[in-house]
Amino acid sequence: MRACLILTTCSKKTEAHKIAKALLTEKLAACIQISSKIRSLYDWKGRHESASEYQLWIKCTQLKSIKCMKRIEELHSYEVPEILMMKVDTASKKYLRWLQSAC
C-alpha cells in the first residue's frame, strides 16, 4: 500500500472545510491539513494575478487518489482548480496502517 499527498487551494476557508469534510466523510482521505492564508501568484489568461488562498494537504492511499481528485474537482468552485498528487516514497509502518484503516 502506498500513501499519496494531494494538494489543492481554495479562495475561501469555508470551501476548504467543505471539501475536507466531504473527503473525510466519504473515506477518500485520512487526514487533511488546511493552512493559514497564503499568497498565490500565477498567470491566468495571459495576466499575472495574485490571490489569498488556503492550501489543503490531503493524505490518502494511492488506491483512493483518483476518486479523491475527482471529488475535489466536483466540489471546487475554481474553473481550473490546482489538484496535484504526489506519491509518498517512504512512511512509517504505523502511519501507513492507520492511513489504510482511515480510508
N, C-alpha and C. Protein backbone atom coordinates (compact mmCIF):
# COMPACT_ATOMS: atom_id res chain seq x y z
N MET A 1 0.85 -1.17 0.00
CA MET A 1 0.00 0.00 0.00
C MET A 1 0.89 1.23 0.00
N ARG A 2 0.59 2.17 -0.87
CA ARG A 2 1.35 3.42 -0.96
C ARG A 2 0.50 4.58 -0.50
N ALA A 3 1.15 5.53 0.12
CA ALA A 3 0.48 6.75 0.54
C ALA A 3 0.64 7.81 -0.54
N CYS A 4 -0.32 8.72 -0.60
CA CYS A 4 -0.27 9.84 -1.53
C CYS A 4 -0.56 11.14 -0.77
N LEU A 5 -0.04 12.21 -1.32
CA LEU A 5 -0.32 13.55 -0.81
C LEU A 5 -0.92 14.33 -1.96
N ILE A 6 -2.10 14.88 -1.74
CA ILE A 6 -2.76 15.69 -2.76
C ILE A 6 -2.83 17.13 -2.24
N LEU A 7 -2.46 18.06 -3.09
CA LEU A 7 -2.52 19.48 -2.75
C LEU A 7 -3.58 20.17 -3.59
N THR A 8 -4.32 21.06 -2.96
CA THR A 8 -5.23 21.93 -3.67
C THR A 8 -5.32 23.24 -2.89
N THR A 9 -5.86 24.26 -3.51
CA THR A 9 -6.05 25.55 -2.84
C THR A 9 -7.49 26.02 -3.05
N CYS A 10 -7.97 26.81 -2.09
CA CYS A 10 -9.32 27.40 -2.16
C CYS A 10 -9.22 28.87 -1.79
N SER A 11 -10.09 29.67 -2.35
CA SER A 11 -10.09 31.10 -2.04
C SER A 11 -10.76 31.40 -0.70
N LYS A 12 -11.64 30.50 -0.26
CA LYS A 12 -12.37 30.73 0.98
C LYS A 12 -12.13 29.58 1.96
N LYS A 13 -11.99 29.93 3.22
CA LYS A 13 -11.79 28.92 4.26
C LYS A 13 -13.00 27.99 4.36
N THR A 14 -14.19 28.54 4.16
CA THR A 14 -15.41 27.71 4.23
C THR A 14 -15.41 26.64 3.14
N GLU A 15 -14.93 26.98 1.96
CA GLU A 15 -14.86 25.99 0.89
C GLU A 15 -13.81 24.92 1.21
N ALA A 16 -12.68 25.32 1.77
CA ALA A 16 -11.64 24.37 2.16
C ALA A 16 -12.21 23.37 3.17
N HIS A 17 -12.96 23.86 4.15
CA HIS A 17 -13.57 22.98 5.16
C HIS A 17 -14.63 22.08 4.54
N LYS A 18 -15.40 22.60 3.60
CA LYS A 18 -16.44 21.80 2.93
C LYS A 18 -15.80 20.63 2.18
N ILE A 19 -14.73 20.91 1.45
CA ILE A 19 -14.04 19.86 0.70
C ILE A 19 -13.43 18.85 1.66
N ALA A 20 -12.77 19.33 2.71
CA ALA A 20 -12.14 18.44 3.69
C ALA A 20 -13.17 17.52 4.34
N LYS A 21 -14.27 18.10 4.76
CA LYS A 21 -15.31 17.30 5.42
C LYS A 21 -15.86 16.22 4.50
N ALA A 22 -16.10 16.56 3.23
CA ALA A 22 -16.63 15.60 2.27
C ALA A 22 -15.64 14.45 2.05
N LEU A 23 -14.37 14.78 1.89
CA LEU A 23 -13.36 13.74 1.65
C LEU A 23 -13.22 12.81 2.84
N LEU A 24 -13.28 13.36 4.05
CA LEU A 24 -13.19 12.53 5.25
C LEU A 24 -14.45 11.68 5.42
N THR A 25 -15.61 12.28 5.24
CA THR A 25 -16.88 11.56 5.40
C THR A 25 -16.99 10.41 4.40
N GLU A 26 -16.52 10.65 3.18
CA GLU A 26 -16.61 9.64 2.13
C GLU A 26 -15.42 8.66 2.15
N LYS A 27 -14.56 8.78 3.16
CA LYS A 27 -13.40 7.89 3.34
C LYS A 27 -12.46 7.92 2.14
N LEU A 28 -12.34 9.08 1.50
CA LEU A 28 -11.40 9.25 0.40
C LEU A 28 -10.07 9.78 0.88
N ALA A 29 -10.03 10.27 2.11
CA ALA A 29 -8.79 10.78 2.71
C ALA A 29 -8.80 10.44 4.19
N ALA A 30 -7.60 10.35 4.75
CA ALA A 30 -7.47 10.03 6.17
C ALA A 30 -7.20 11.26 7.02
N CYS A 31 -6.55 12.25 6.44
CA CYS A 31 -6.17 13.45 7.18
C CYS A 31 -6.03 14.60 6.20
N ILE A 32 -6.50 15.77 6.60
CA ILE A 32 -6.39 16.96 5.75
C ILE A 32 -5.98 18.12 6.63
N GLN A 33 -4.93 18.78 6.22
CA GLN A 33 -4.49 19.99 6.91
C GLN A 33 -4.84 21.19 6.05
N ILE A 34 -5.37 22.22 6.68
CA ILE A 34 -5.72 23.45 5.99
C ILE A 34 -4.81 24.55 6.53
N SER A 35 -4.08 25.18 5.63
CA SER A 35 -3.12 26.20 6.02
C SER A 35 -3.81 27.51 6.40
N SER A 36 -3.04 28.37 7.03
CA SER A 36 -3.46 29.76 7.18
C SER A 36 -3.42 30.39 5.79
N LYS A 37 -3.88 31.62 5.68
CA LYS A 37 -3.88 32.28 4.38
C LYS A 37 -2.47 32.30 3.79
N ILE A 38 -2.40 31.99 2.50
CA ILE A 38 -1.15 32.10 1.76
C ILE A 38 -1.39 33.05 0.59
N ARG A 39 -0.34 33.53 -0.01
CA ARG A 39 -0.44 34.40 -1.18
C ARG A 39 0.01 33.60 -2.39
N SER A 40 -0.85 33.50 -3.39
CA SER A 40 -0.52 32.80 -4.63
C SER A 40 -0.36 33.81 -5.76
N LEU A 41 0.69 33.65 -6.52
CA LEU A 41 0.95 34.47 -7.71
C LEU A 41 0.92 33.51 -8.89
N TYR A 42 0.19 33.87 -9.95
CA TYR A 42 0.04 32.94 -11.06
C TYR A 42 -0.34 33.68 -12.34
N ASP A 43 -0.20 33.00 -13.45
CA ASP A 43 -0.61 33.53 -14.74
C ASP A 43 -1.99 32.98 -15.05
N TRP A 44 -2.93 33.85 -15.35
CA TRP A 44 -4.29 33.41 -15.68
C TRP A 44 -4.78 34.19 -16.89
N LYS A 45 -4.99 33.46 -17.98
CA LYS A 45 -5.49 34.03 -19.23
C LYS A 45 -4.63 35.21 -19.69
N GLY A 46 -3.31 35.01 -19.60
CA GLY A 46 -2.36 36.00 -20.10
C GLY A 46 -2.05 37.14 -19.15
N ARG A 47 -2.59 37.10 -17.96
CA ARG A 47 -2.33 38.18 -16.98
C ARG A 47 -1.70 37.59 -15.73
N HIS A 48 -0.83 38.37 -15.10
CA HIS A 48 -0.28 37.97 -13.80
C HIS A 48 -1.29 38.34 -12.73
N GLU A 49 -1.65 37.37 -11.92
CA GLU A 49 -2.65 37.55 -10.87
C GLU A 49 -2.04 37.26 -9.50
N SER A 50 -2.73 37.73 -8.48
CA SER A 50 -2.33 37.48 -7.10
C SER A 50 -3.61 37.28 -6.29
N ALA A 51 -3.58 36.27 -5.39
CA ALA A 51 -4.79 35.99 -4.62
C ALA A 51 -4.42 35.39 -3.26
N SER A 52 -5.27 35.64 -2.28
CA SER A 52 -5.16 34.96 -0.99
C SER A 52 -5.87 33.62 -1.11
N GLU A 53 -5.23 32.57 -0.61
CA GLU A 53 -5.83 31.24 -0.70
C GLU A 53 -5.51 30.45 0.56
N TYR A 54 -6.21 29.34 0.70
CA TYR A 54 -5.94 28.36 1.76
C TYR A 54 -5.51 27.07 1.07
N GLN A 55 -4.41 26.50 1.54
CA GLN A 55 -3.93 25.27 0.93
C GLN A 55 -4.36 24.07 1.74
N LEU A 56 -4.81 23.04 1.05
CA LEU A 56 -5.19 21.78 1.68
C LEU A 56 -4.12 20.74 1.37
N TRP A 57 -3.62 20.08 2.42
CA TRP A 57 -2.68 18.96 2.31
C TRP A 57 -3.50 17.73 2.65
N ILE A 58 -3.79 16.93 1.65
CA ILE A 58 -4.70 15.80 1.78
C ILE A 58 -3.91 14.50 1.72
N LYS A 59 -4.02 13.68 2.78
CA LYS A 59 -3.32 12.41 2.81
C LYS A 59 -4.30 11.28 2.53
N CYS A 60 -3.94 10.42 1.56
CA CYS A 60 -4.81 9.30 1.20
C CYS A 60 -3.95 8.16 0.68
N THR A 61 -4.60 7.06 0.34
CA THR A 61 -3.91 5.93 -0.26
C THR A 61 -3.88 6.12 -1.77
N GLN A 62 -2.92 5.47 -2.40
CA GLN A 62 -2.86 5.54 -3.86
C GLN A 62 -4.13 4.97 -4.47
N LEU A 63 -4.68 3.96 -3.84
CA LEU A 63 -5.92 3.32 -4.32
C LEU A 63 -7.08 4.32 -4.37
N LYS A 64 -7.12 5.26 -3.43
CA LYS A 64 -8.22 6.24 -3.37
C LYS A 64 -7.90 7.56 -4.07
N SER A 65 -6.67 7.74 -4.53
CA SER A 65 -6.22 9.05 -5.01
C SER A 65 -7.01 9.57 -6.21
N ILE A 66 -7.32 8.73 -7.17
CA ILE A 66 -8.05 9.19 -8.37
C ILE A 66 -9.47 9.62 -7.99
N LYS A 67 -10.16 8.81 -7.16
CA LYS A 67 -11.51 9.19 -6.70
C LYS A 67 -11.46 10.47 -5.89
N CYS A 68 -10.43 10.61 -5.07
CA CYS A 68 -10.27 11.81 -4.25
C CYS A 68 -10.10 13.05 -5.14
N MET A 69 -9.25 12.96 -6.15
CA MET A 69 -9.03 14.10 -7.06
C MET A 69 -10.31 14.45 -7.82
N LYS A 70 -11.04 13.42 -8.27
CA LYS A 70 -12.30 13.68 -8.98
C LYS A 70 -13.32 14.36 -8.08
N ARG A 71 -13.36 13.94 -6.82
CA ARG A 71 -14.31 14.55 -5.87
C ARG A 71 -13.96 16.00 -5.59
N ILE A 72 -12.66 16.29 -5.46
CA ILE A 72 -12.22 17.68 -5.27
C ILE A 72 -12.70 18.53 -6.44
N GLU A 73 -12.50 18.01 -7.64
CA GLU A 73 -12.91 18.75 -8.84
C GLU A 73 -14.42 19.01 -8.84
N GLU A 74 -15.22 18.04 -8.41
CA GLU A 74 -16.68 18.21 -8.35
C GLU A 74 -17.09 19.29 -7.35
N LEU A 75 -16.38 19.35 -6.23
CA LEU A 75 -16.76 20.28 -5.16
C LEU A 75 -16.15 21.67 -5.30
N HIS A 76 -15.12 21.80 -6.10
CA HIS A 76 -14.34 23.04 -6.16
C HIS A 76 -15.03 24.12 -6.98
N SER A 77 -14.87 25.36 -6.55
CA SER A 77 -15.50 26.48 -7.25
C SER A 77 -14.65 27.05 -8.39
N TYR A 78 -13.36 26.74 -8.42
CA TYR A 78 -12.49 27.29 -9.47
C TYR A 78 -12.78 26.65 -10.82
N GLU A 79 -12.61 27.42 -11.86
CA GLU A 79 -12.74 26.90 -13.23
C GLU A 79 -11.67 25.84 -13.49
N VAL A 80 -10.45 26.11 -13.01
CA VAL A 80 -9.33 25.17 -13.15
C VAL A 80 -8.65 25.05 -11.78
N PRO A 81 -9.14 24.18 -10.92
CA PRO A 81 -8.52 24.05 -9.60
C PRO A 81 -7.16 23.37 -9.67
N GLU A 82 -6.27 23.81 -8.79
CA GLU A 82 -4.98 23.13 -8.63
C GLU A 82 -5.27 21.81 -7.90
N ILE A 83 -4.92 20.71 -8.53
CA ILE A 83 -5.04 19.40 -7.89
C ILE A 83 -3.77 18.64 -8.27
N LEU A 84 -2.85 18.55 -7.33
CA LEU A 84 -1.57 17.89 -7.56
C LEU A 84 -1.47 16.67 -6.67
N MET A 85 -1.08 15.54 -7.23
CA MET A 85 -0.93 14.31 -6.45
C MET A 85 0.52 13.88 -6.49
N MET A 86 1.05 13.59 -5.30
CA MET A 86 2.42 13.10 -5.19
C MET A 86 2.41 11.76 -4.46
N LYS A 87 3.13 10.80 -4.97
CA LYS A 87 3.26 9.52 -4.30
C LYS A 87 4.33 9.66 -3.23
N VAL A 88 4.04 9.14 -2.06
CA VAL A 88 4.98 9.19 -0.93
C VAL A 88 5.91 7.99 -1.04
N ASP A 89 7.20 8.25 -1.08
CA ASP A 89 8.18 7.16 -1.20
C ASP A 89 8.33 6.36 0.08
N THR A 90 8.34 7.05 1.20
CA THR A 90 8.59 6.38 2.48
C THR A 90 7.69 6.96 3.55
N ALA A 91 7.17 6.07 4.39
CA ALA A 91 6.36 6.48 5.55
C ALA A 91 6.50 5.39 6.60
N SER A 92 6.25 5.74 7.84
CA SER A 92 6.36 4.73 8.89
C SER A 92 5.27 3.68 8.73
N LYS A 93 5.56 2.47 9.14
CA LYS A 93 4.60 1.37 9.01
C LYS A 93 3.33 1.65 9.82
N LYS A 94 3.51 2.23 11.01
CA LYS A 94 2.33 2.56 11.84
C LYS A 94 1.43 3.57 11.13
N TYR A 95 2.05 4.58 10.53
CA TYR A 95 1.28 5.60 9.83
C TYR A 95 0.54 4.98 8.64
N LEU A 96 1.23 4.14 7.88
CA LEU A 96 0.59 3.50 6.72
C LEU A 96 -0.58 2.62 7.12
N ARG A 97 -0.45 1.89 8.24
CA ARG A 97 -1.57 1.08 8.72
C ARG A 97 -2.75 1.94 9.11
N TRP A 98 -2.47 3.06 9.80
CA TRP A 98 -3.54 3.98 10.18
C TRP A 98 -4.20 4.59 8.93
N LEU A 99 -3.37 5.02 7.98
CA LEU A 99 -3.87 5.64 6.75
C LEU A 99 -4.80 4.68 6.02
N GLN A 100 -4.40 3.44 5.89
CA GLN A 100 -5.22 2.45 5.20
C GLN A 100 -6.54 2.20 5.96
N SER A 101 -6.48 2.13 7.26
CA SER A 101 -7.70 1.88 8.02
C SER A 101 -8.64 3.09 7.98
N ALA A 102 -8.09 4.29 7.90
CA ALA A 102 -8.92 5.51 7.89
C ALA A 102 -9.58 5.75 6.53
N CYS A 103 -8.96 5.22 5.48
CA CYS A 103 -9.53 5.38 4.13
C CYS A 103 -10.41 4.19 3.81
